[in-house]
């Protein structure tokens, strides 16, 4: 257990940050799974949702901006493949 007031505050802050990061990452993963499971007809709308969630996570600093961009690029490639296959 912490011996100093500042350490107690850091513990509280860290718990809040961990909870927020977990929630944001979970939201991104859920949106990604929905997109991957979707057919070509709803791929466009779900891609926008995933892209938005990734941008939001990067904006909050939960994931790095370049990682969000890379994932969006890969998902866009998947979207294009789904549409072309149909």
C-alpha atoms as a PDB file:
ATOM      1  CA  UNK A   1       0.000   0.000   0.000  1.00  0.00           C
ATOM      2  CA  UNK A   2       1.179   3.544  -0.679  1.00  0.00           C
ATOM      3  CA  UNK A   3       2.817   5.465   2.128  1.00  0.00           C
ATOM      4  CA  UNK A   4       2.400   8.949   0.632  1.00  0.00           C
ATOM      5  CA  UNK A   5      -0.638  10.990  -0.337  1.00  0.00           C
ATOM      6  CA  UNK A   6       0.720  11.532  -3.816  1.00  0.00           C
ATOM      7  CA  UNK A   7       1.085   7.778  -4.304  1.00  0.00           C
ATOM      8  CA  UNK A   8      -2.510   7.243  -3.207  1.00  0.00           C
ATOM      9  CA  UNK A   9      -3.653   9.796  -5.771  1.00  0.00           C
ATOM     10  CA  UNK A  10      -1.560   8.158  -8.487  1.00  0.00           C
ATOM     11  CA  UNK A  11      -3.217   4.827  -7.694  1.00  0.00           C
ATOM     12  CA  UNK A  12      -6.666   6.378  -8.038  1.00  0.00           C
ATOM     13  CA  UNK A  13      -5.684   8.112 -11.278  1.00  0.00           C
ATOM     14  CA  UNK A  14      -4.174   4.950 -12.705  1.00  0.00           C
ATOM     15  CA  UNK A  15      -7.307   2.942 -11.933  1.00  0.00           C
ATOM     16  CA  UNK A  16      -9.475   5.501 -13.735  1.00  0.00           C
ATOM     17  CA  UNK A  17      -7.143   5.571 -16.733  1.00  0.00           C
ATOM     18  CA  UNK A  18      -7.022   1.769 -16.894  1.00  0.00           C
ATOM     19  CA  UNK A  19     -10.809   1.575 -16.828  1.00  0.00           C
ATOM     20  CA  UNK A  20     -11.113   4.142 -19.617  1.00  0.00           C
ATOM     21  CA  UNK A  21      -8.439   2.491 -21.753  1.00  0.00           C
ATOM     22  CA  UNK A  22     -10.040  -0.928 -21.290  1.00  0.00           C
ATOM     23  CA  UNK A  23     -13.437   0.424 -22.334  1.00  0.00           C
ATOM     24  CA  UNK A  24     -12.099   2.168 -25.432  1.00  0.00           C
ATOM     25  CA  UNK A  25     -10.043  -0.848 -26.530  1.00  0.00           C
ATOM     26  CA  UNK A  26     -13.021  -3.128 -25.986  1.00  0.00           C
ATOM     27  CA  UNK A  27     -15.220  -0.846 -28.089  1.00  0.00           C
ATOM     28  CA  UNK A  28     -12.685  -0.861 -30.913  1.00  0.00           C
ATOM     29  CA  UNK A  29     -12.353  -4.650 -30.812  1.00  0.00           C
ATOM     30  CA  UNK A  30     -16.133  -5.140 -30.834  1.00  0.00           C
ATOM     31  CA  UNK A  31     -16.572  -2.803 -33.802  1.00  0.00           C
ATOM     32  CA  UNK A  32     -13.761  -4.569 -35.662  1.00  0.00           C
ATOM     33  CA  UNK A  33     -15.304  -7.999 -35.047  1.00  0.00           C
ATOM     34  CA  UNK A  34     -18.699  -6.781 -36.282  1.00  0.00           C
ATOM     35  CA  UNK A  35     -17.076  -5.423 -39.432  1.00  0.00           C
ATOM     36  CA  UNK A  36     -15.174  -8.636 -40.151  1.00  0.00           C
ATOM     37  CA  UNK A  37     -18.312 -10.744 -39.687  1.00  0.00           C
ATOM     38  CA  UNK A  38     -20.436  -8.494 -41.915  1.00  0.00           C
ATOM     39  CA  UNK A  39     -21.328  -9.102 -45.515  1.00  0.00           C
ATOM     40  CA  UNK A  40     -20.542  -6.775 -48.415  1.00  0.00           C
ATOM     41  CA  UNK A  41     -23.857  -4.896 -48.186  1.00  0.00           C
ATOM     42  CA  UNK A  42     -23.256  -3.528 -44.678  1.00  0.00           C
ATOM     43  CA  UNK A  43     -19.462  -3.323 -44.934  1.00  0.00           C
ATOM     44  CA  UNK A  44     -19.421   0.376 -45.858  1.00  0.00           C
ATOM     45  CA  UNK A  45     -21.469   1.513 -42.868  1.00  0.00           C
ATOM     46  CA  UNK A  46     -19.590  -0.695 -40.416  1.00  0.00           C
ATOM     47  CA  UNK A  47     -16.256   0.474 -41.839  1.00  0.00           C
ATOM     48  CA  UNK A  48     -17.247   4.052 -40.999  1.00  0.00           C
ATOM     49  CA  UNK A  49     -18.075   2.958 -37.448  1.00  0.00           C
ATOM     50  CA  UNK A  50     -14.758   1.155 -36.960  1.00  0.00           C
ATOM     51  CA  UNK A  51     -12.830   4.033 -38.491  1.00  0.00           C
ATOM     52  CA  UNK A  52     -14.543   6.477 -36.158  1.00  0.00           C
ATOM     53  CA  UNK A  53     -13.800   4.338 -33.101  1.00  0.00           C
ATOM     54  CA  UNK A  54     -10.139   4.018 -34.088  1.00  0.00           C
ATOM     55  CA  UNK A  55      -9.836   7.777 -34.580  1.00  0.00           C
ATOM     56  CA  UNK A  56     -11.480   8.382 -31.226  1.00  0.00           C
ATOM     57  CA  UNK A  57      -9.107   5.954 -29.494  1.00  0.00           C
ATOM     58  CA  UNK A  58      -6.099   7.630 -31.113  1.00  0.00           C
ATOM     59  CA  UNK A  59      -7.383  11.068 -30.160  1.00  0.00           C
ATOM     60  CA  UNK A  60      -7.686   9.993 -26.521  1.00  0.00           C
ATOM     61  CA  UNK A  61      -4.178   8.538 -26.607  1.00  0.00           C
ATOM     62  CA  UNK A  62      -5.316   4.986 -25.927  1.00  0.00           C
ATOM     63  CA  UNK A  63      -3.583   3.751 -29.079  1.00  0.00           C
ATOM     64  CA  UNK A  64      -0.969   5.547 -31.186  1.00  0.00           C
ATOM     65  CA  UNK A  65      -2.167   7.491 -34.255  1.00  0.00           C
ATOM     66  CA  UNK A  66      -0.053   5.447 -36.655  1.00  0.00           C
ATOM     67  CA  UNK A  67      -1.489   2.193 -35.321  1.00  0.00           C
ATOM     68  CA  UNK A  68      -5.013   3.509 -35.857  1.00  0.00           C
ATOM     69  CA  UNK A  69      -4.115   4.571 -39.412  1.00  0.00           C
ATOM     70  CA  UNK A  70      -2.569   1.188 -40.162  1.00  0.00           C
ATOM     71  CA  UNK A  71      -5.620  -0.681 -38.908  1.00  0.00           C
ATOM     72  CA  UNK A  72      -7.965   1.584 -40.866  1.00  0.00           C
ATOM     73  CA  UNK A  73      -5.923   0.962 -43.996  1.00  0.00           C
ATOM     74  CA  UNK A  74      -6.106  -2.801 -43.559  1.00  0.00           C
ATOM     75  CA  UNK A  75      -9.836  -2.687 -42.854  1.00  0.00           C
ATOM     76  CA  UNK A  76     -10.391  -0.539 -45.947  1.00  0.00           C
ATOM     77  CA  UNK A  77      -8.552  -3.143 -47.988  1.00  0.00           C
ATOM     78  CA  UNK A  78     -10.810  -5.838 -46.540  1.00  0.00           C
ATOM     79  CA  UNK A  79     -13.877  -3.721 -47.301  1.00  0.00           C
ATOM     80  CA  UNK A  80     -12.805  -3.283 -50.906  1.00  0.00           C
ATOM     81  CA  UNK A  81     -12.240  -7.025 -51.263  1.00  0.00           C
ATOM     82  CA  UNK A  82     -15.699  -7.788 -49.874  1.00  0.00           C
ATOM     83  CA  UNK A  83     -17.379  -5.350 -52.242  1.00  0.00           C
ATOM     84  CA  UNK A  84     -15.411  -6.604 -55.260  1.00  0.00           C
ATOM     85  CA  UNK A  85     -16.217 -10.232 -54.450  1.00  0.00           C
ATOM     86  CA  UNK A  86     -19.956  -9.613 -54.388  1.00  0.00           C
END
